[in-house]
Structures are given as C-alpha cells and as structure tokens.
Amino acid sequence: MHKETPSKALIRQTALCDWLDLSRSGLDKLRKKDPTFPRPLKDSDTRQAAAFYVVSEIQSWLQAKIEARDAF
C-alpha cells in the first residue's frame, strides 16, 4: 500500500533525479529554463553542500505542469 509522504518531507537531489529520470545536468538545465521549478534547500553555504527539495513543492509543480498540458 502507498504511504502518504509528510507535507514537508525532503528528497535529496540525487533521488529527485532518479524520480524524474533526469541526469544532474538535465535537472540543472530544467531549473534554469523553468523559473517556476522549486528551489533547493542546501545544508550549508558551500557549493558542495547537499541539495534537498521539498517533496510537496515538487508534486505541486508537477501537478501544475499536468494541468497546463491538459488545458489545451
């Protein structure tokens, strides 16, 4: 059975890439091309810091994309 994810659950960038079937560079291109794509949270200010995304924000972004597609 599918479990509900908490509303503020986080997903690592690497797991998000797997979920969206994108490479890391593909995700970077998507983020640059689409300003509505959710911004990551980083665990420090360094460039090498792990990046996390809020799952509910990604789900909302995907839903908006689906609705925009279906509007035509």
Protein backbone atom coordinates (compact mmCIF):
# COMPACT_ATOMS: atom_id res chain seq x y z
CA MET A 1 0.00 0.00 0.00
CA HIS A 2 1.22 3.51 -0.87
CA LYS A 3 2.08 5.62 2.17
CA GLU A 4 1.39 9.33 2.30
CA THR A 5 4.52 11.45 2.41
CA PRO A 6 4.66 14.13 5.10
CA SER A 7 3.87 17.58 3.70
CA LYS A 8 7.38 18.85 4.41
CA ALA A 9 9.32 15.72 3.52
CA LEU A 10 12.65 16.30 1.80
CA ILE A 11 14.22 14.41 -1.06
CA ARG A 12 17.90 14.51 -1.97
CA GLN A 13 18.81 15.90 -5.36
CA THR A 14 20.16 12.52 -6.46
CA ALA A 15 16.87 10.81 -5.57
CA LEU A 16 14.92 13.56 -7.35
CA CYS A 17 16.98 12.97 -10.48
CA ASP A 18 16.09 9.28 -10.30
CA TRP A 19 12.41 10.10 -9.68
CA LEU A 20 12.22 12.49 -12.65
CA ASP A 21 14.51 10.29 -14.78
CA LEU A 22 16.96 13.13 -15.32
CA SER A 23 20.71 13.43 -15.07
CA ARG A 24 22.09 16.03 -12.69
CA SER A 25 22.91 18.28 -15.64
CA GLY A 26 19.40 17.70 -17.00
CA LEU A 27 17.95 18.86 -13.69
CA ASP A 28 20.21 21.93 -13.76
CA LYS A 29 19.00 22.77 -17.28
CA LEU A 30 15.37 22.35 -16.18
CA ARG A 31 15.92 24.65 -13.19
CA LYS A 32 17.49 27.33 -15.42
CA LYS A 33 14.84 27.03 -18.13
CA ASP A 34 11.79 26.97 -15.86
CA PRO A 35 11.73 29.68 -13.18
CA THR A 36 8.68 28.02 -11.56
CA PHE A 37 10.69 24.91 -10.65
CA PRO A 38 11.08 24.71 -6.85
CA ARG A 39 14.39 25.89 -5.44
CA PRO A 40 16.52 23.50 -3.41
CA LEU A 41 17.42 23.75 0.25
CA LYS A 42 21.12 23.39 1.00
CA ASP A 43 22.56 22.23 4.29
CA SER A 44 25.33 24.87 4.14
CA ASP A 45 26.57 27.75 2.01
CA THR A 46 29.30 25.79 0.25
CA ARG A 47 28.92 24.75 -3.36
CA GLN A 48 29.42 21.09 -2.46
CA ALA A 49 26.64 21.10 0.13
CA ALA A 50 23.92 18.51 -0.30
CA ALA A 51 20.80 19.84 -2.02
CA PHE A 52 17.33 18.81 -0.88
CA TYR A 53 13.90 19.56 -2.34
CA VAL A 54 10.55 19.72 -0.56
CA VAL A 55 8.52 16.79 -1.93
CA SER A 56 5.18 18.64 -1.75
CA GLU A 57 6.63 21.54 -3.79
CA ILE A 58 7.83 19.15 -6.49
CA GLN A 59 4.43 17.41 -6.53
CA SER A 60 2.63 20.77 -6.83
CA TRP A 61 4.94 21.82 -9.67
CA LEU A 62 4.29 18.55 -11.50
CA GLN A 63 0.52 18.91 -10.99
CA ALA A 64 0.62 22.45 -12.40
CA LYS A 65 2.51 21.18 -15.46
CA ILE A 66 -0.05 18.40 -15.99
CA GLU A 67 -2.95 20.85 -15.64
CA ALA A 68 -1.32 23.26 -18.12
CA ARG A 69 -0.84 20.42 -20.59
CA ASP A 70 -4.44 19.24 -20.21
CA ALA A 71 -5.85 22.77 -20.61
CA PHE A 72 -5.24 22.66 -24.37
